[in-house]
Amino acid sequence: MKNIAIVTGASSGIGNAFLKLVCKERGIYNSIPFDEIWAVSRSADKLLEATSSIGDERIVPVTADLTDPGDLDEIALRLQDECISVGLLINCAGAGFKGYTEDLGIDNVGCQVELNCVALSKLTRICLPHMIDKEPPYSLKDGPRIVNVASSAGFLPQPGFAGYAASKAYVISFSRALSYELAPYNIAVTTVCPGPVKTEFQSKATGGQSAEFTGIRKYVAADKDKLAKAALKASKAGRKMFVYGFSQKALHVASKILPSDLILSIESKLITVPEVNTYSEGDNVVTPLPVSSKEESV
């Protein structure tokens, strides 16, 4: 039986940083833990370019729109037909729109939930039968792992980024509950909560209006490679929740002890909302959309 790793949003950004590190992972006596590494993205061209540059023959490019039930069904059938064990699942693909809800198209609002929440949950469920061993012979440290990339945005509602923040709150709640459900099978579930990260996401989330973070965010923006490395280390240690960076840890604590209205009042004064609506998957794609348009698969 083949043992594989799956990384979504793998063609660029944080997902691609994860992919590179998974290729370098080693097990006991420097053994290679994964026979194949499935790199999943909607963009076939960018995925091929990204995986070719890594040069690991174990990488299997999987072009799939995770919001398409048909593409998810194809992944499920492939896992069954090839008799595969999933040793690592990294759910990194995500969608983000900056803008007030009344200014966003209906489909724009919906796709954040479809990708960040529904697709993540469905893919996790698809993989679970290939991860669960009723009598696991391994310890938690050596067992299968799930890494779900959420965000510090999920700690509190965010005016001007309402749908994204709410979707990441779902990822946090779902993942934390899942970690207890799967504990009897020694499957570690780690929720990763970074703040701003230096990728193409900022440019895409603002319709190209701002490639750089502004205000306090420019001082706390994280390096994607360092984030991915720290997140995988936390996953191997079996940590259930991993908040990356001192500033985000402080925000996490503040969200628990300060009144939500106070923090929301401060956020509403600091946030800058772009006029153009944008969509991005795993830091891979940007498509400026008029308010009434429907998102197209790329």
Protein backbone atom coordinates (compact mmCIF):
# COMPACT_ATOMS: atom_id res chain seq x y z
CA MET A 1 0.00 0.00 0.00
CA LYS A 2 1.34 3.41 -0.99
CA ASN A 3 1.73 6.04 1.70
CA ILE A 4 1.15 9.55 0.38
CA ALA A 5 1.00 13.19 1.45
CA ILE A 6 -1.55 15.65 0.04
CA VAL A 7 -0.95 19.41 -0.10
CA THR A 8 -3.66 21.73 -1.43
CA GLY A 9 -3.02 25.24 -2.74
CA ALA A 10 0.39 23.89 -3.71
CA SER A 11 1.31 25.99 -6.73
CA SER A 12 2.49 29.07 -4.80
CA GLY A 13 2.49 30.92 -1.50
CA ILE A 14 2.23 29.03 1.79
CA GLY A 15 1.04 25.86 0.07
CA ASN A 16 4.13 25.75 -2.11
CA ALA A 17 6.34 26.36 0.94
CA PHE A 18 4.69 23.35 2.60
CA LEU A 19 5.20 21.25 -0.53
CA LYS A 20 8.94 21.94 -0.62
CA LEU A 21 9.32 21.00 3.04
CA VAL A 22 7.28 17.81 2.73
CA CYS A 23 9.62 16.72 -0.06
CA LYS A 24 12.50 17.05 2.41
CA GLU A 25 10.85 15.16 5.26
CA ARG A 26 12.62 12.07 6.51
CA GLY A 27 11.56 9.31 8.87
CA ILE A 28 13.42 6.77 11.00
CA TYR A 29 17.01 6.17 9.85
CA ASN A 30 16.59 8.92 7.24
CA SER A 31 13.92 6.90 5.41
CA ILE A 32 11.52 8.58 2.97
CA PRO A 33 8.08 8.62 4.62
CA PHE A 34 5.93 9.22 1.52
CA ASP A 35 5.88 7.22 -1.71
CA GLU A 36 4.01 10.04 -3.46
CA ILE A 37 3.24 13.68 -2.69
CA TRP A 38 0.04 14.93 -4.30
CA ALA A 39 0.23 18.64 -5.08
CA VAL A 40 -3.29 20.00 -5.61
CA SER A 41 -4.24 23.27 -7.30
CA ARG A 42 -6.81 24.64 -9.75
CA SER A 43 -4.18 26.20 -12.00
CA ALA A 44 -2.61 23.46 -14.11
CA ASP A 45 0.08 25.67 -15.66
CA LYS A 46 1.23 27.21 -12.38
CA LEU A 47 1.14 23.84 -10.69
CA LEU A 48 3.31 22.23 -13.36
CA GLU A 49 5.78 25.12 -13.20
CA ALA A 50 5.96 24.99 -9.40
CA THR A 51 6.36 21.23 -9.15
CA SER A 52 8.93 21.08 -11.96
CA SER A 53 11.12 23.60 -10.17
CA ILE A 54 11.24 21.39 -7.06
CA GLY A 55 12.41 18.39 -9.06
CA ASP A 56 11.13 15.60 -6.79
CA GLU A 57 9.93 12.61 -8.80
CA ARG A 58 7.48 11.67 -6.04
CA ILE A 59 5.36 14.78 -6.67
CA VAL A 60 2.09 14.01 -8.45
CA PRO A 61 0.40 17.17 -9.80
CA VAL A 62 -3.37 17.01 -9.26
CA THR A 63 -5.34 19.71 -11.05
CA ALA A 64 -8.65 20.09 -9.23
CA ASP A 65 -11.17 22.75 -8.29
CA LEU A 66 -11.98 21.72 -4.73
CA THR A 67 -15.31 23.55 -4.88
CA ASP A 68 -16.37 21.24 -7.72
CA PRO A 69 -18.02 18.06 -6.33
CA GLY A 70 -16.95 16.21 -9.47
CA ASP A 71 -13.27 16.96 -8.86
CA LEU A 72 -13.57 15.85 -5.24
CA ASP A 73 -15.24 12.63 -6.39
CA GLU A 74 -12.30 11.99 -8.74
CA ILE A 75 -9.84 12.35 -5.87
CA ALA A 76 -11.93 9.98 -3.73
CA LEU A 77 -12.08 7.36 -6.48
CA ARG A 78 -8.36 7.65 -7.13
CA LEU A 79 -7.59 7.04 -3.46
CA GLN A 80 -9.78 3.94 -3.47
CA ASP A 81 -8.62 2.50 -6.78
CA GLU A 82 -4.92 2.84 -6.00
CA CYS A 83 -5.21 1.40 -2.46
CA ILE A 84 -3.58 4.37 -0.76
CA SER A 85 -2.78 5.33 2.82
CA VAL A 86 -2.74 9.07 3.52
CA GLY A 87 0.01 9.89 6.00
CA LEU A 88 -0.26 13.67 5.78
CA LEU A 89 -3.01 16.04 4.64
CA ILE A 90 -2.30 19.77 4.46
CA ASN A 91 -5.40 21.84 3.71
CA CYS A 92 -3.92 25.14 2.55
CA ALA A 93 -6.16 26.22 -0.35
CA GLY A 94 -8.33 29.19 0.55
CA ALA A 95 -10.31 32.12 -0.82
CA GLY A 96 -10.30 35.72 0.39
CA PHE A 97 -12.26 38.86 -0.53
CA LYS A 98 -11.70 42.26 0.97
CA GLY A 99 -14.71 44.53 0.79
CA TYR A 100 -17.93 45.34 2.57
CA THR A 101 -20.50 42.59 2.20
CA GLU A 102 -23.03 44.81 0.40
CA ASP A 103 -20.40 45.56 -2.25
CA LEU A 104 -19.54 41.93 -2.94
CA GLY A 105 -21.35 39.74 -5.45
CA ILE A 106 -23.44 36.90 -4.04
CA ASP A 107 -21.18 34.29 -5.63
CA ASN A 108 -18.12 36.08 -4.26
CA VAL A 109 -19.44 35.80 -0.73
CA GLY A 110 -20.42 32.18 -1.23
CA CYS A 111 -17.15 30.92 -2.69
CA GLN A 112 -15.20 31.78 0.47
CA VAL A 113 -17.43 29.42 2.43
CA GLU A 114 -17.39 26.80 -0.33
CA LEU A 115 -13.59 26.58 -0.45
CA ASN A 116 -12.48 27.53 3.06
CA CYS A 117 -15.15 25.53 4.88
CA VAL A 118 -17.04 23.05 2.69
CA ALA A 119 -14.18 21.86 0.47
CA LEU A 120 -11.77 21.57 3.41
CA SER A 121 -14.31 19.51 5.37
CA LYS A 122 -15.18 17.26 2.42
CA LEU A 123 -11.57 16.56 1.47
CA THR A 124 -10.76 15.75 5.09
CA ARG A 125 -13.69 13.33 5.23
CA ILE A 126 -12.58 11.75 1.93
CA CYS A 127 -9.10 11.14 3.33
CA LEU A 128 -10.09 9.85 6.77
CA PRO A 129 -10.85 6.24 5.74
CA HIS A 130 -7.31 6.15 4.31
CA MET A 131 -5.81 7.47 7.55
CA ILE A 132 -7.70 5.64 10.29
CA ASP A 133 -6.39 2.34 11.60
CA LYS A 134 -8.75 0.76 14.13
CA GLU A 135 -5.77 -0.60 16.05
CA PRO A 136 -2.96 1.87 15.31
CA PRO A 137 0.47 0.32 15.93
CA TYR A 138 2.11 3.73 16.03
CA SER A 139 2.32 6.53 18.54
CA LEU A 140 0.81 9.97 18.07
CA LYS A 141 4.24 11.21 17.01
CA ASP A 142 4.53 8.62 14.24
CA GLY A 143 0.86 8.53 13.16
CA PRO A 144 -0.93 10.32 10.31
CA ARG A 145 -1.25 14.09 10.51
CA ILE A 146 -3.71 16.72 9.33
CA VAL A 147 -2.66 20.36 9.06
CA ASN A 148 -5.50 22.83 8.51
CA VAL A 149 -4.37 26.36 7.70
CA ALA A 150 -6.73 28.82 9.36
CA SER A 151 -5.83 32.42 10.28
CA SER A 152 -5.69 34.77 13.21
CA ALA A 153 -8.57 36.47 11.37
CA GLY A 154 -10.68 33.64 12.75
CA PHE A 155 -10.23 34.82 16.34
CA LEU A 156 -12.67 37.71 15.88
CA PRO A 157 -15.08 39.14 13.30
CA GLN A 158 -13.43 41.57 10.88
CA PRO A 159 -15.42 44.41 9.27
CA GLY A 160 -14.45 44.62 5.60
CA PHE A 161 -13.24 41.02 5.64
CA ALA A 162 -16.33 39.50 7.23
CA GLY A 163 -16.75 36.34 5.14
CA TYR A 164 -13.08 35.40 5.26
CA ALA A 165 -12.79 35.87 9.03
CA ALA A 166 -15.98 33.88 9.62
CA SER A 167 -14.80 31.05 7.38
CA LYS A 168 -11.50 30.81 9.25
CA ALA A 169 -13.37 30.74 12.56
CA TYR A 170 -15.11 27.65 11.17
CA VAL A 171 -11.75 26.07 10.29
CA ILE A 172 -10.51 26.65 13.84
CA SER A 173 -13.63 25.18 15.46
CA PHE A 174 -13.87 22.22 13.07
CA SER A 175 -10.19 21.34 13.42
CA ARG A 176 -10.10 21.56 17.20
CA ALA A 177 -13.10 19.26 17.52
CA LEU A 178 -11.65 16.89 14.92
CA SER A 179 -8.42 16.60 16.91
CA TYR A 180 -10.38 15.05 19.80
CA GLU A 181 -12.45 12.81 17.53
CA LEU A 182 -9.33 11.34 15.97
CA ALA A 183 -7.22 11.11 19.13
CA PRO A 184 -8.15 7.41 19.69
CA TYR A 185 -6.57 6.64 16.28
CA ASN A 186 -3.40 8.62 17.07
CA ILE A 187 -4.09 11.06 14.24
CA ALA A 188 -2.75 14.53 15.02
CA VAL A 189 -4.81 17.51 13.83
CA THR A 190 -3.04 20.86 13.95
CA THR A 191 -4.80 24.19 13.36
CA VAL A 192 -2.34 26.78 12.04
CA CYS A 193 -3.20 30.42 12.68
CA PRO A 194 -0.82 32.94 11.11
CA GLY A 195 -1.42 36.63 10.74
CA PRO A 196 -0.35 38.51 7.59
CA VAL A 197 2.09 36.48 5.48
CA LYS A 198 4.39 37.78 2.75
CA THR A 199 2.83 36.15 -0.33
CA GLU A 200 0.84 37.32 -3.32
CA PHE A 201 -2.35 37.10 -1.26
CA GLN A 202 -2.34 40.78 -0.21
CA SER A 203 -2.14 41.97 -3.80
CA LYS A 204 -4.87 39.58 -4.89
CA ALA A 205 -7.15 40.28 -1.96
CA THR A 206 -7.07 44.01 -2.80
CA GLY A 207 -7.43 43.67 -6.56
CA GLY A 208 -3.82 44.66 -7.14
CA GLN A 209 -4.25 47.95 -5.30
CA SER A 210 -1.76 47.06 -2.57
CA ALA A 211 1.06 44.56 -2.99
CA GLU A 212 2.53 45.45 0.40
CA PHE A 213 0.97 45.43 3.84
CA THR A 214 0.35 48.82 5.40
CA GLY A 215 0.12 50.10 8.96
CA ILE A 216 0.99 47.69 11.75
CA ARG A 217 0.60 44.70 9.42
CA LYS A 218 3.80 45.52 7.55
CA TYR A 219 5.76 45.13 10.78
CA VAL A 220 4.24 41.75 11.72
CA ALA A 221 3.99 40.07 8.29
CA ALA A 222 5.54 36.60 8.42
CA ASP A 223 7.86 34.80 6.02
CA LYS A 224 5.98 31.92 4.36
CA ASP A 225 8.93 29.50 4.49
CA LYS A 226 9.55 30.08 8.20
CA LEU A 227 5.82 29.75 8.87
CA ALA A 228 5.56 26.44 7.00
CA LYS A 229 8.63 25.04 8.76
CA ALA A 230 7.33 26.00 12.21
CA ALA A 231 3.85 24.66 11.40
CA LEU A 232 5.18 21.25 10.35
CA LYS A 233 7.29 21.10 13.51
CA ALA A 234 4.17 21.83 15.56
CA SER A 235 2.30 19.15 13.65
CA LYS A 236 4.98 16.54 14.35
CA ALA A 237 4.83 17.47 18.03
CA GLY A 238 1.09 16.78 18.00
CA ARG A 239 0.07 20.34 18.85
CA LYS A 240 -3.65 21.00 18.40
CA MET A 241 -3.38 24.78 17.95
CA PHE A 242 -0.41 26.67 16.55
CA VAL A 243 -0.57 30.47 16.54
CA TYR A 244 2.43 31.85 14.67
CA GLY A 245 4.18 35.01 15.78
CA PHE A 246 4.19 37.01 19.01
CA SER A 247 1.76 39.63 17.69
CA GLN A 248 -0.77 36.98 16.73
CA LYS A 249 -0.39 35.23 20.10
CA ALA A 250 -1.12 38.57 21.74
CA LEU A 251 -4.20 39.01 19.53
CA HIS A 252 -5.34 35.51 20.46
CA VAL A 253 -5.11 36.33 24.16
CA ALA A 254 -6.78 39.72 23.66
CA SER A 255 -9.68 38.10 21.80
CA LYS A 256 -10.37 36.00 24.89
CA ILE A 257 -10.21 38.70 27.56
CA LEU A 258 -11.23 42.00 25.92
CA PRO A 259 -14.81 42.85 24.91
CA SER A 260 -15.41 42.03 21.25
CA ASP A 261 -17.05 45.41 20.61
CA LEU A 262 -13.91 47.20 21.76
CA ILE A 263 -11.65 45.26 19.40
CA LEU A 264 -14.15 45.56 16.53
CA SER A 265 -14.34 49.32 17.06
CA ILE A 266 -10.55 49.57 16.76
CA GLU A 267 -10.48 47.27 13.72
CA SER A 268 -13.16 49.27 11.89
CA LYS A 269 -11.06 52.42 12.24
CA LEU A 270 -7.83 50.78 11.02
CA ILE A 271 -9.05 48.67 8.12
CA THR A 272 -8.68 49.84 4.52
CA VAL A 273 -11.26 48.33 2.17
CA PRO A 274 -10.51 48.16 -1.59
CA GLU A 275 -13.07 48.99 -4.25
CA VAL A 276 -12.25 45.95 -6.41
CA ASN A 277 -13.44 42.50 -5.42
CA THR A 278 -10.91 39.71 -5.83
CA TYR A 279 -10.61 36.00 -5.35
CA SER A 280 -7.57 33.90 -4.61
CA GLU A 281 -7.05 30.19 -4.03
CA GLY A 282 -4.05 29.18 -2.00
CA ASP A 283 -2.34 32.40 -3.14
CA ASN A 284 -2.57 31.09 -6.70
CA VAL A 285 -5.24 32.98 -8.62
CA VAL A 286 -6.64 36.48 -8.79
CA THR A 287 -9.74 37.37 -10.78
CA PRO A 288 -11.19 40.89 -10.53
CA LEU A 289 -14.96 40.45 -10.46
CA PRO A 290 -17.83 42.85 -11.01
CA VAL A 291 -20.38 42.65 -8.24
CA SER A 292 -22.85 40.51 -10.19
CA SER A 293 -20.42 38.19 -11.96
CA LYS A 294 -19.89 34.48 -11.28
CA GLU A 295 -16.47 33.09 -10.40
CA GLU A 296 -14.97 31.03 -13.18
CA SER A 297 -12.75 28.02 -12.73
CA VAL A 298 -9.12 28.67 -13.62
